[in-house]
C-alpha atoms as a PDB file:
ATOM      1  CA  MET A   1      -0.177  -0.133   0.022  1.00  0.00           C
ATOM      2  CA  ILE A   2       1.094   3.453  -0.901  1.00  0.00           C
ATOM      3  CA  THR A   3      -0.060   6.899   0.651  1.00  0.00           C
ATOM      4  CA  ALA A   4       1.185  10.019  -0.390  1.00  0.00           C
ATOM      5  CA  TYR A   5       1.363  13.103   1.585  1.00  0.00           C
ATOM      6  CA  CYS A   6       1.491  16.501  -0.152  1.00  0.00           C
ATOM      7  CA  SER A   7       2.928  19.966   0.889  1.00  0.00           C
ATOM      8  CA  ASP A   8      -0.760  20.726   2.605  1.00  0.00           C
ATOM      9  CA  CYS A   9      -0.567  17.502   4.568  1.00  0.00           C
ATOM     10  CA  LYS A  10      -3.341  15.513   3.261  1.00  0.00           C
ATOM     11  CA  PRO A  11      -2.684  12.020   1.706  1.00  0.00           C
ATOM     12  CA  VAL A  12      -3.496  11.806  -1.573  1.00  0.00           C
ATOM     13  CA  GLU A  13      -4.340   8.552  -4.177  1.00  0.00           C
ATOM     14  CA  ILE A  14      -1.845   7.205  -6.658  1.00  0.00           C
ATOM     15  CA  GLY A  15      -4.339   5.970  -9.007  1.00  0.00           C
ATOM     16  CA  ASP A  16      -3.377   3.426 -11.759  1.00  0.00           C
ATOM     17  CA  LEU A  17       0.361   2.381 -11.279  1.00  0.00           C
ATOM     18  CA  SER A  18       0.781   1.765 -14.575  1.00  0.00           C
ATOM     19  CA  GLN A  19      -0.151   4.913 -15.812  1.00  0.00           C
ATOM     20  CA  GLY A  20      -0.089   7.166 -12.430  1.00  0.00           C
ATOM     21  CA  SER A  21       2.444  10.280 -11.717  1.00  0.00           C
ATOM     22  CA  LEU A  22       3.177  11.780  -8.841  1.00  0.00           C
ATOM     23  CA  ARG A  23       2.201  15.461  -7.998  1.00  0.00           C
ATOM     24  CA  ASP A  24       4.733  17.936  -8.058  1.00  0.00           C
ATOM     25  CA  ASP A  25       3.725  18.517  -4.012  1.00  0.00           C
ATOM     26  CA  VAL A  26       4.118  15.353  -2.775  1.00  0.00           C
ATOM     27  CA  MET A  27       6.763  15.649   0.027  1.00  0.00           C
ATOM     28  CA  TRP A  28       6.407  12.002   1.753  1.00  0.00           C
ATOM     29  CA  ILE A  29       5.889   8.480   0.309  1.00  0.00           C
ATOM     30  CA  ASP A  30       4.708   5.860   2.753  1.00  0.00           C
ATOM     31  CA  MET A  31       4.995   2.378   1.570  1.00  0.00           C
ATOM     32  CA  ILE A  32       3.566  -0.313   3.592  1.00  0.00           C
ATOM     33  CA  GLU A  33       4.020  -3.774   2.978  1.00  0.00           C
ATOM     34  CA  PRO A  34       4.422  -2.838  -0.481  1.00  0.00           C
ATOM     35  CA  SER A  35       3.807  -4.890  -3.265  1.00  0.00           C
ATOM     36  CA  ARG A  36       6.514  -5.432  -6.105  1.00  0.00           C
ATOM     37  CA  GLU A  37       3.953  -3.309  -8.473  1.00  0.00           C
ATOM     38  CA  GLU A  38       4.301  -0.600  -6.435  1.00  0.00           C
ATOM     39  CA  GLU A  39       7.907  -0.721  -5.739  1.00  0.00           C
ATOM     40  CA  LEU A  40       8.292  -0.702  -9.764  1.00  0.00           C
ATOM     41  CA  PHE A  41       6.187   2.443 -10.082  1.00  0.00           C
ATOM     42  CA  VAL A  42       8.215   4.519  -6.946  1.00  0.00           C
ATOM     43  CA  GLU A  43      11.267   3.340  -8.993  1.00  0.00           C
ATOM     44  CA  ARG A  44      10.011   4.435 -12.133  1.00  0.00           C
ATOM     45  CA  THR A  45       8.557   7.565 -10.873  1.00  0.00           C
ATOM     46  CA  LEU A  46      11.563   8.976  -8.286  1.00  0.00           C
ATOM     47  CA  GLY A  47      14.566   7.242 -10.464  1.00  0.00           C
ATOM     48  CA  VAL A  48      15.427   5.458  -6.768  1.00  0.00           C
ATOM     49  CA  GLU A  49      16.148   1.457  -6.789  1.00  0.00           C
ATOM     50  CA  VAL A  50      13.591   0.734  -3.363  1.00  0.00           C
ATOM     51  CA  PRO A  51      15.012  -1.929  -1.177  1.00  0.00           C
ATOM     52  CA  THR A  52      13.284  -4.745  -0.935  1.00  0.00           C
ATOM     53  CA  ARG A  53      12.357  -6.493   2.540  1.00  0.00           C
ATOM     54  CA  ASP A  54      15.599  -8.736   2.350  1.00  0.00           C
ATOM     55  CA  ASP A  55      17.625  -5.704   2.074  1.00  0.00           C
ATOM     56  CA  LEU A  56      16.097  -4.292   5.093  1.00  0.00           C
ATOM     57  CA  LYS A  57      17.263  -7.083   7.112  1.00  0.00           C
ATOM     58  CA  ASP A  58      21.381  -6.818   6.099  1.00  0.00           C
ATOM     59  CA  ILE A  59      23.408  -5.635   9.130  1.00  0.00           C
ATOM     60  CA  GLU A  60      26.186  -4.715   7.459  1.00  0.00           C
ATOM     61  CA  PRO A  61      26.507  -0.380   7.882  1.00  0.00           C
ATOM     62  CA  SER A  62      27.184  -0.439   4.277  1.00  0.00           C
ATOM     63  CA  ALA A  63      23.870  -2.075   3.302  1.00  0.00           C
ATOM     64  CA  ARG A  64      21.895  -0.030   5.501  1.00  0.00           C
ATOM     65  CA  LEU A  65      23.705   3.816   5.536  1.00  0.00           C
ATOM     66  CA  TYR A  66      24.572   4.510   2.047  1.00  0.00           C
ATOM     67  CA  MET A  67      24.095   7.484  -0.730  1.00  0.00           C
ATOM     68  CA  GLU A  68      23.518   6.734  -4.516  1.00  0.00           C
ATOM     69  CA  ASN A  69      22.467   8.758  -7.274  1.00  0.00           C
ATOM     70  CA  ASP A  70      22.116  11.845  -5.050  1.00  0.00           C
ATOM     71  CA  ALA A  71      19.773   9.901  -2.992  1.00  0.00           C
ATOM     72  CA  VAL A  72      19.902   8.886   0.843  1.00  0.00           C
ATOM     73  CA  PHE A  73      19.161   5.392   2.079  1.00  0.00           C
ATOM     74  CA  MET A  74      19.332   4.569   5.367  1.00  0.00           C
ATOM     75  CA  THR A  75      17.654   2.039   7.523  1.00  0.00           C
ATOM     76  CA  ALA A  76      16.842   1.647  11.269  1.00  0.00           C
ATOM     77  CA  SER A  77      15.314  -1.095  13.762  1.00  0.00           C
ATOM     78  CA  LEU A  78      12.254   0.100  15.644  1.00  0.00           C
ATOM     79  CA  VAL A  79      10.535  -1.239  18.725  1.00  0.00           C
ATOM     80  CA  TRP A  80       7.044  -2.778  17.892  1.00  0.00           C
ATOM     81  CA  LYS A  81       4.234  -4.250  19.729  1.00  0.00           C
ATOM     82  CA  VAL A  82       5.201  -2.863  22.590  1.00  0.00           C
ATOM     83  CA  GLU A  83       1.847  -3.282  24.375  1.00  0.00           C
ATOM     84  CA  THR A  84       1.701  -7.268  23.672  1.00  0.00           C
ATOM     85  CA  ASP A  85       4.051  -9.919  26.035  1.00  0.00           C
ATOM     86  CA  ALA A  86       6.414 -10.256  22.928  1.00  0.00           C
ATOM     87  CA  PRO A  87       8.010  -6.719  21.706  1.00  0.00           C
ATOM     88  CA  THR A  88       9.921  -6.831  18.220  1.00  0.00           C
ATOM     89  CA  LEU A  89      12.288  -5.102  16.282  1.00  0.00           C
ATOM     90  CA  THR A  90      10.873  -4.316  12.733  1.00  0.00           C
ATOM     91  CA  ASP A  91      13.352  -2.826   9.996  1.00  0.00           C
ATOM     92  CA  VAL A  92      12.280   0.430   8.358  1.00  0.00           C
ATOM     93  CA  ALA A  93      14.098   2.113   5.462  1.00  0.00           C
ATOM     94  CA  PHE A  94      14.021   6.000   5.230  1.00  0.00           C
ATOM     95  CA  ILE A  95      14.874   7.466   1.813  1.00  0.00           C
ATOM     96  CA  LEU A  96      15.904  11.066   0.612  1.00  0.00           C
ATOM     97  CA  ALA A  97      15.228  11.569  -2.704  1.00  0.00           C
ATOM     98  CA  GLY A  98      15.240  15.259  -3.854  1.00  0.00           C
ATOM     99  CA  LYS A  99      12.803  17.094  -1.861  1.00  0.00           C
ATOM    100  CA  ARG A 100      10.680  14.241  -1.156  1.00  0.00           C
ATOM    101  CA  MET A 101      11.326  11.452   1.617  1.00  0.00           C
ATOM    102  CA  ILE A 102      10.286   7.950   1.212  1.00  0.00           C
ATOM    103  CA  THR A 103       9.387   5.478   4.121  1.00  0.00           C
ATOM    104  CA  ILE A 104       9.226   1.369   3.498  1.00  0.00           C
ATOM    105  CA  ARG A 105       7.944  -0.431   6.518  1.00  0.00           C
ATOM    106  CA  TYR A 106       6.154  -4.104   6.983  1.00  0.00           C
ATOM    107  CA  ALA A 107       4.967  -3.173  10.367  1.00  0.00           C
ATOM    108  CA  GLN A 108       2.807  -0.198  11.954  1.00  0.00           C
ATOM    109  CA  PRO A 109       5.265   1.328  14.749  1.00  0.00           C
ATOM    110  CA  LYS A 110       3.001   3.553  16.557  1.00  0.00           C
ATOM    111  CA  SER A 111       5.523   6.368  16.118  1.00  0.00           C
ATOM    112  CA  PHE A 112       4.139   6.527  12.291  1.00  0.00           C
ATOM    113  CA  SER A 113       0.796   6.586  13.452  1.00  0.00           C
ATOM    114  CA  LEU A 114       1.575   9.423  15.891  1.00  0.00           C
ATOM    115  CA  PHE A 115       3.783  11.413  12.835  1.00  0.00           C
ATOM    116  CA  ILE A 116       0.775  11.288  10.552  1.00  0.00           C
ATOM    117  CA  ALA A 117      -1.542  12.310  13.208  1.00  0.00           C
ATOM    118  CA  ALA A 118       0.310  15.489  13.794  1.00  0.00           C
ATOM    119  CA  LEU A 119       1.492  16.114  10.359  1.00  0.00           C
ATOM    120  CA  HIS A 120      -0.582  19.286  10.055  1.00  0.00           C
ATOM    121  CA  ARG A 121       0.866  21.233  12.896  1.00  0.00           C
ATOM    122  CA  VAL A 122       4.036  20.998  10.931  1.00  0.00           C
ATOM    123  CA  PRO A 123       5.217  24.408  10.251  1.00  0.00           C
ATOM    124  CA  GLN A 124       5.784  25.236   6.356  1.00  0.00           C
ATOM    125  CA  GLN A 125       9.053  26.261   6.380  1.00  0.00           C
ATOM    126  CA  TRP A 126       9.754  22.287   7.605  1.00  0.00           C
ATOM    127  CA  ARG A 127       7.628  20.921   4.945  1.00  0.00           C
ATOM    128  CA  SER A 128      10.482  19.643   2.728  1.00  0.00           C
ATOM    129  CA  GLY A 129      12.405  16.318   2.523  1.00  0.00           C
ATOM    130  CA  ALA A 130      15.154  16.295   4.774  1.00  0.00           C
ATOM    131  CA  ALA A 131      13.039  18.597   7.250  1.00  0.00           C
ATOM    132  CA  LEU A 132      10.201  16.378   7.573  1.00  0.00           C
ATOM    133  CA  LEU A 133      12.475  13.345   8.058  1.00  0.00           C
ATOM    134  CA  ALA A 134      14.341  15.387  11.195  1.00  0.00           C
ATOM    135  CA  LYS A 135      10.860  15.604  12.115  1.00  0.00           C
ATOM    136  CA  LEU A 136       9.751  12.028  11.537  1.00  0.00           C
ATOM    137  CA  PHE A 137      13.256  10.569  13.455  1.00  0.00           C
ATOM    138  CA  GLU A 138      12.247  13.048  16.618  1.00  0.00           C
ATOM    139  CA  THR A 139       9.027  11.142  16.949  1.00  0.00           C
ATOM    140  CA  VAL A 140      10.222   8.189  16.995  1.00  0.00           C
ATOM    141  CA  ILE A 141      12.819   9.304  19.715  1.00  0.00           C
ATOM    142  CA  ASP A 142       9.730  10.990  21.642  1.00  0.00           C
ATOM    143  CA  ARG A 143       7.919   7.710  21.475  1.00  0.00           C
ATOM    144  CA  THR A 144      10.920   5.443  22.574  1.00  0.00           C
ATOM    145  CA  ALA A 145      10.959   7.626  25.618  1.00  0.00           C
ATOM    146  CA  GLU A 146       7.528   6.977  26.341  1.00  0.00           C
ATOM    147  CA  ILE A 147       8.242   3.179  25.795  1.00  0.00           C
ATOM    148  CA  LEU A 148      11.048   3.750  28.286  1.00  0.00           C
ATOM    149  CA  GLU A 149       8.591   5.467  31.018  1.00  0.00           C
ATOM    150  CA  LEU A 150       6.203   2.958  30.275  1.00  0.00           C
ATOM    151  CA  SER A 151       8.712   0.234  31.259  1.00  0.00           C
ATOM    152  CA  VAL A 152       9.851   2.001  34.241  1.00  0.00           C
ATOM    153  CA  ALA A 153       5.929   2.190  35.747  1.00  0.00           C
ATOM    154  CA  ARG A 154       5.678  -1.344  34.993  1.00  0.00           C
ATOM    155  CA  ILE A 155       9.064  -2.601  36.641  1.00  0.00           C
ATOM    156  CA  ASP A 156       7.881   0.186  40.046  1.00  0.00           C
ATOM    157  CA  ILE A 157       4.533  -2.155  39.824  1.00  0.00           C
ATOM    158  CA  LEU A 158       6.569  -5.670  39.788  1.00  0.00           C
ATOM    159  CA  SER A 159       8.932  -4.467  42.379  1.00  0.00           C
ATOM    160  CA  THR A 160       6.176  -4.074  44.723  1.00  0.00           C
ATOM    161  CA  HIS A 161       4.738  -7.263  43.686  1.00  0.00           C
ATOM    162  CA  VAL A 162       8.054  -8.907  44.458  1.00  0.00           C
ATOM    163  CA  PHE A 163       9.160  -7.507  47.803  1.00  0.00           C
ATOM    164  CA  GLY A 164       5.304  -6.803  48.872  1.00  0.00           C
ATOM    165  CA  ASP A 165       4.253  -4.803  51.735  1.00  0.00           C
ATOM    166  CA  ARG A 166       5.964  -5.265  54.887  1.00  0.00           C
ATOM    167  CA  ALA A 167       2.887  -3.833  57.139  1.00  0.00           C
ATOM    168  CA  ARG A 168       0.834  -6.742  55.391  1.00  0.00           C
ATOM    169  CA  LYS A 169       1.986 -10.235  55.779  1.00  0.00           C
ATOM    170  CA  VAL A 170      -0.155 -11.613  53.266  1.00  0.00           C
ATOM    171  CA  ARG A 171       0.211 -15.565  52.170  1.00  0.00           C
ATOM    172  CA  LYS A 172       1.293 -16.031  48.414  1.00  0.00           C
ATOM    173  CA  PRO A 173       1.198 -19.127  46.508  1.00  0.00           C
ATOM    174  CA  SER A 174       4.224 -21.205  46.484  1.00  0.00           C
ATOM    175  CA  ASN A 175       5.162 -20.531  42.631  1.00  0.00           C
ATOM    176  CA  TYR A 176       4.477 -16.664  43.153  1.00  0.00           C
ATOM    177  CA  LEU A 177       8.219 -15.497  42.586  1.00  0.00           C
ATOM    178  CA  GLU A 178       8.681 -18.017  39.709  1.00  0.00           C
ATOM    179  CA  GLU A 179       5.520 -16.126  38.067  1.00  0.00           C
ATOM    180  CA  LYS A 180       7.447 -12.716  38.677  1.00  0.00           C
ATOM    181  CA  LEU A 181      10.667 -14.286  37.098  1.00  0.00           C
ATOM    182  CA  ARG A 182       8.459 -14.487  33.622  1.00  0.00           C
ATOM    183  CA  ASP A 183       7.323 -10.844  33.783  1.00  0.00           C
ATOM    184  CA  ILE A 184      10.992  -9.844  34.725  1.00  0.00           C
ATOM    185  CA  ALA A 185      12.353 -11.650  31.950  1.00  0.00           C
ATOM    186  CA  GLY A 186       9.685  -9.766  29.221  1.00  0.00           C
ATOM    187  CA  HIS A 187      10.660  -6.364  31.076  1.00  0.00           C
ATOM    188  CA  HIS A 188      14.348  -7.172  30.083  1.00  0.00           C
ATOM    189  CA  ARG A 189      13.659  -8.102  26.584  1.00  0.00           C
ATOM    190  CA  LEU A 190      11.577  -5.140  25.673  1.00  0.00           C
ATOM    191  CA  VAL A 191      14.485  -2.818  27.180  1.00  0.00           C
ATOM    192  CA  SER A 192      17.215  -4.890  25.113  1.00  0.00           C
ATOM    193  CA  LYS A 193      14.906  -4.248  22.042  1.00  0.00           C
ATOM    194  CA  VAL A 194      14.477  -0.494  22.774  1.00  0.00           C
ATOM    195  CA  ARG A 195      18.925  -0.497  23.558  1.00  0.00           C
ATOM    196  CA  ASP A 196      19.022  -2.036  19.978  1.00  0.00           C
ATOM    197  CA  SER A 197      17.002  -0.030  18.378  1.00  0.00           C
ATOM    198  CA  LEU A 198      18.756   3.187  19.648  1.00  0.00           C
ATOM    199  CA  ALA A 199      21.863   2.108  18.664  1.00  0.00           C
ATOM    200  CA  SER A 200      20.619   1.761  15.306  1.00  0.00           C
ATOM    201  CA  LEU A 201      19.141   5.038  15.614  1.00  0.00           C
ATOM    202  CA  SER A 202      22.448   6.743  16.792  1.00  0.00           C
ATOM    203  CA  ARG A 203      24.246   5.284  13.397  1.00  0.00           C
ATOM    204  CA  LEU A 204      21.568   6.742  11.246  1.00  0.00           C
ATOM    205  CA  MET A 205      21.493   9.726  12.571  1.00  0.00           C
ATOM    206  CA  THR A 206      25.477  10.041  12.681  1.00  0.00           C
ATOM    207  CA  PHE A 207      25.038   9.325   8.899  1.00  0.00           C
ATOM    208  CA  PHE A 208      22.077  11.438   8.309  1.00  0.00           C
ATOM    209  CA  TYR A 209      23.717  14.511   9.744  1.00  0.00           C
ATOM    210  CA  THR A 210      26.236  14.560   7.020  1.00  0.00           C
ATOM    211  CA  VAL A 211      23.975  14.681   4.394  1.00  0.00           C
ATOM    212  CA  PRO A 212      24.185  18.219   2.281  1.00  0.00           C
ATOM    213  CA  ALA A 213      21.011  18.846   2.455  1.00  0.00           C
ATOM    214  CA  VAL A 214      20.984  18.804   6.173  1.00  0.00           C
ATOM    215  CA  GLN A 215      23.960  20.643   6.128  1.00  0.00           C
ATOM    216  CA  GLN A 216      22.694  23.592   3.955  1.00  0.00           C
ATOM    217  CA  ASP A 217      19.476  23.920   6.229  1.00  0.00           C
ATOM    218  CA  ARG A 218      20.205  25.495   9.508  1.00  0.00           C
ATOM    219  CA  ASP A 219      17.064  24.547  11.804  1.00  0.00           C
ATOM    220  CA  THR A 220      17.242  20.625  10.320  1.00  0.00           C
ATOM    221  CA  LYS A 221      20.915  20.698  11.272  1.00  0.00           C
ATOM    222  CA  GLU A 222      19.862  21.900  14.819  1.00  0.00           C
ATOM    223  CA  LEU A 223      17.269  19.365  15.423  1.00  0.00           C
ATOM    224  CA  CYS A 224      19.455  16.873  14.314  1.00  0.00           C
ATOM    225  CA  LYS A 225      21.894  17.934  17.080  1.00  0.00           C
ATOM    226  CA  THR A 226      18.940  17.546  19.712  1.00  0.00           C
ATOM    227  CA  VAL A 227      17.671  14.183  18.174  1.00  0.00           C
ATOM    228  CA  SER A 228      21.261  12.713  18.693  1.00  0.00           C
ATOM    229  CA  ARG A 229      21.618  14.021  22.399  1.00  0.00           C
ATOM    230  CA  ASP A 230      18.198  12.970  23.349  1.00  0.00           C
ATOM    231  CA  ILE A 231      19.272   9.423  21.819  1.00  0.00           C
ATOM    232  CA  GLN A 232      22.395   9.482  23.721  1.00  0.00           C
ATOM    233  CA  SER A 233      20.109  10.044  27.391  1.00  0.00           C
ATOM    234  CA  LEU A 234      17.807   7.643  26.181  1.00  0.00           C
ATOM    235  CA  ASN A 235      20.704   5.079  25.906  1.00  0.00           C
ATOM    236  CA  GLU A 236      22.073   5.905  29.649  1.00  0.00           C
ATOM    237  CA  HIS A 237      18.583   5.876  30.531  1.00  0.00           C
ATOM    238  CA  ALA A 238      18.187   2.170  29.317  1.00  0.00           C
ATOM    239  CA  SER A 239      21.134   1.063  30.869  1.00  0.00           C
ATOM    240  CA  PHE A 240      19.743   2.635  34.271  1.00  0.00           C
ATOM    241  CA  ILE A 241      16.310   0.944  33.789  1.00  0.00           C
ATOM    242  CA  ALA A 242      18.507  -2.333  32.725  1.00  0.00           C
ATOM    243  CA  GLY A 243      20.558  -2.242  35.836  1.00  0.00           C
ATOM    244  CA  ASN A 244      17.334  -2.015  38.080  1.00  0.00           C
ATOM    245  CA  ILE A 245      15.826  -5.277  35.904  1.00  0.00           C
ATOM    246  CA  THR A 246      19.129  -6.991  37.039  1.00  0.00           C
ATOM    247  CA  PHE A 247      18.545  -5.869  40.651  1.00  0.00           C
ATOM    248  CA  LEU A 248      15.228  -6.806  40.462  1.00  0.00           C
ATOM    249  CA  LEU A 249      16.072 -10.449  39.049  1.00  0.00           C
ATOM    250  CA  ASP A 250      18.708 -10.914  41.710  1.00  0.00           C
ATOM    251  CA  ALA A 251      16.467 -10.155  44.403  1.00  0.00           C
ATOM    252  CA  SER A 252      13.820 -12.457  43.132  1.00  0.00           C
ATOM    253  CA  LEU A 253      16.572 -15.392  42.856  1.00  0.00           C
ATOM    254  CA  GLY A 254      17.556 -14.677  46.590  1.00  0.00           C
ATOM    255  CA  LEU A 255      14.060 -14.250  47.984  1.00  0.00           C
ATOM    256  CA  ILE A 256      13.177 -17.825  46.212  1.00  0.00           C
ATOM    257  CA  ASN A 257      16.350 -19.135  47.810  1.00  0.00           C
ATOM    258  CA  ILE A 258      15.577 -17.739  51.073  1.00  0.00           C
ATOM    259  CA  GLU A 259      11.855 -19.717  51.133  1.00  0.00           C
ATOM    260  CA  GLN A 260      13.681 -22.688  49.951  1.00  0.00           C
ATOM    261  CA  ASN A 261      16.259 -22.704  53.140  1.00  0.00           C
ATOM    262  CA  ALA A 262      13.324 -21.893  55.197  1.00  0.00           C
ATOM    263  CA  ILE A 263      11.559 -25.085  54.272  1.00  0.00           C
ATOM    264  CA  ILE A 264      15.086 -26.985  54.515  1.00  0.00           C
ATOM    265  CA  LYS A 265      15.409 -25.683  58.011  1.00  0.00           C
ATOM    266  CA  ILE A 266      12.166 -26.888  59.116  1.00  0.00           C
ATOM    267  CA  PHE A 267      13.109 -30.124  58.129  1.00  0.00           C
ATOM    268  CA  SER A 268      16.438 -29.922  59.397  1.00  0.00           C
ATOM    269  CA  ILE A 269      15.005 -28.734  62.927  1.00  0.00           C
ATOM    270  CA  ALA A 270      12.233 -31.493  62.852  1.00  0.00           C
ATOM    271  CA  SER A 271      14.494 -34.224  62.152  1.00  0.00           C
ATOM    272  CA  VAL A 272      16.603 -32.929  65.030  1.00  0.00           C
ATOM    273  CA  VAL A 273      13.777 -32.718  67.535  1.00  0.00           C
ATOM    274  CA  PHE A 274      12.587 -35.877  67.076  1.00  0.00           C
ATOM    275  CA  LEU A 275      16.164 -37.689  66.723  1.00  0.00           C
ATOM    276  CA  PRO A 276      16.200 -38.190  70.692  1.00  0.00           C
ATOM    277  CA  PRO A 277      12.574 -39.584  71.275  1.00  0.00           C
ATOM    278  CA  THR A 278      13.385 -42.088  68.375  1.00  0.00           C
ATOM    279  CA  LEU A 279      17.067 -42.920  70.269  1.00  0.00           C
ATOM    280  CA  VAL A 280      14.818 -43.840  73.623  1.00  0.00           C
ATOM    281  CA  ALA A 281      11.953 -45.606  71.455  1.00  0.00           C
ATOM    282  CA  SER A 282      14.778 -47.806  70.027  1.00  0.00           C
ATOM    283  CA  ILE A 283      16.381 -48.211  72.938  1.00  0.00           C
ATOM    284  CA  TYR A 284      13.385 -49.950  75.030  1.00  0.00           C
ATOM    285  CA  GLY A 285      12.225 -51.366  71.868  1.00  0.00           C
ATOM    286  CA  MET A 286      15.305 -53.912  71.983  1.00  0.00           C
ATOM    287  CA  ASN A 287      14.508 -57.407  72.660  1.00  0.00           C
ATOM    288  CA  PHE A 288      17.483 -58.228  75.261  1.00  0.00           C
ATOM    289  CA  GLU A 289      16.586 -60.904  77.826  1.00  0.00           C
ATOM    290  CA  PHE A 290      18.145 -58.709  80.824  1.00  0.00           C
ATOM    291  CA  MET A 291      16.761 -55.188  80.687  1.00  0.00           C
ATOM    292  CA  PRO A 292      15.715 -54.112  84.187  1.00  0.00           C
ATOM    293  CA  GLU A 293      13.643 -51.378  82.625  1.00  0.00           C
ATOM    294  CA  LEU A 294      11.086 -54.190  81.487  1.00  0.00           C
ATOM    295  CA  HIS A 295       9.916 -55.552  84.832  1.00  0.00           C
ATOM    296  CA  PHE A 296       9.037 -51.640  86.044  1.00  0.00           C
ATOM    297  CA  ALA A 297       5.288 -51.454  86.838  1.00  0.00           C
ATOM    298  CA  GLN A 298       5.318 -47.295  85.410  1.00  0.00           C
ATOM    299  CA  GLY A 299       7.666 -47.960  82.363  1.00  0.00           C
ATOM    300  CA  TYR A 300       5.655 -47.595  79.855  1.00  0.00           C
ATOM    301  CA  PRO A 301       4.282 -44.241  80.757  1.00  0.00           C
ATOM    302  CA  TYR A 302       7.876 -43.907  82.066  1.00  0.00           C
ATOM    303  CA  SER A 303       9.460 -44.213  78.781  1.00  0.00           C
ATOM    304  CA  LEU A 304       6.955 -42.020  76.986  1.00  0.00           C
ATOM    305  CA  GLY A 305       7.757 -39.101  79.496  1.00  0.00           C
ATOM    306  CA  LEU A 306      11.252 -39.316  78.849  1.00  0.00           C
ATOM    307  CA  MET A 307      10.599 -38.906  75.086  1.00  0.00           C
ATOM    308  CA  VAL A 308       8.231 -36.046  75.286  1.00  0.00           C
ATOM    309  CA  LEU A 309      11.088 -34.707  77.510  1.00  0.00           C
ATOM    310  CA  SER A 310      13.977 -35.229  75.019  1.00  0.00           C
ATOM    311  CA  ALA A 311      11.980 -33.862  72.439  1.00  0.00           C
ATOM    312  CA  VAL A 312      10.646 -30.433  74.389  1.00  0.00           C
ATOM    313  CA  ILE A 313      14.121 -29.564  75.125  1.00  0.00           C
ATOM    314  CA  PRO A 314      15.903 -29.283  71.959  1.00  0.00           C
ATOM    315  CA  PHE A 315      12.794 -27.423  70.782  1.00  0.00           C
ATOM    316  CA  PHE A 316      13.032 -25.024  73.782  1.00  0.00           C
ATOM    317  CA  PHE A 317      16.690 -24.453  72.977  1.00  0.00           C
ATOM    318  CA  PHE A 318      16.205 -23.723  69.449  1.00  0.00           C
ATOM    319  CA  ARG A 319      13.570 -20.987  70.331  1.00  0.00           C
ATOM    320  CA  TRP A 320      15.801 -19.580  72.902  1.00  0.00           C
ATOM    321  CA  LYS A 321      18.627 -19.464  70.142  1.00  0.00           C
ATOM    322  CA  GLY A 322      16.431 -17.981  67.542  1.00  0.00           C
ATOM    323  CA  TRP A 323      16.636 -20.674  65.314  1.00  0.00           C
ATOM    324  CA  LEU A 324      12.790 -20.845  64.817  1.00  0.00           C
END
């Protein structure tokens, strides 16, 4: 699907791809999962070679950032499906051909819908290919910052669930912390995807800043500097969030170990408490012929009392030591 936006920020229809042409005031061509026919139309109309889906997956810098026939080709990885349990990266191509920008994407990152919704608020002097592309990058970074803020809020809630409220001692299911480990893994995946996206955007902005169309426009040049600084700040913030996730993971594993050790301690103390009564019962359960205690009239209650006493003394000793 191809959507073209003119200088008045309104989408226009392309018409027949075999015979159609672009209006002179078209400033942005947005290609969403384009067919081969649509790719050929753009190549014929603008004189640029449109990267295919396989080309976007190439990780070599020379294949993601290059100039060819006065056209600038850039590819970045953007975070997608943030609201789901499986966030992922999608590769998006940005092409600057003359005064027009072209985007090729096979997903629907929210940053694009935000940019389209605010396109009518872009000042007239910014409605050129390079300037509009810089504005789009600014929207992408703003969306990335929003994702990190959302991640921080979710991690705070998760931290409260892991450590709980000390004033309220509520019994939790035995696999409660194990389930929280899955949530921690999900947050770690999201932040990792964001860091990968920021790394690709950082390389892209470094390359985009050197483009002649950017260097010749002072406002676009300053905006690119601002976006680059924002990327650096978000990288540091993402590293801080990743550190918090690591701490939360270590703390959860530590709490699981504490719970397991407490269970093992209970079994250990129980075995020690019942060991003396077992010893007494074993002694008086032997079938030797000469055992004087076997002829006591009160031998049975005496042995029971001795077993209870031998169990009570270790129990209170452990209580006095604070082991229980």
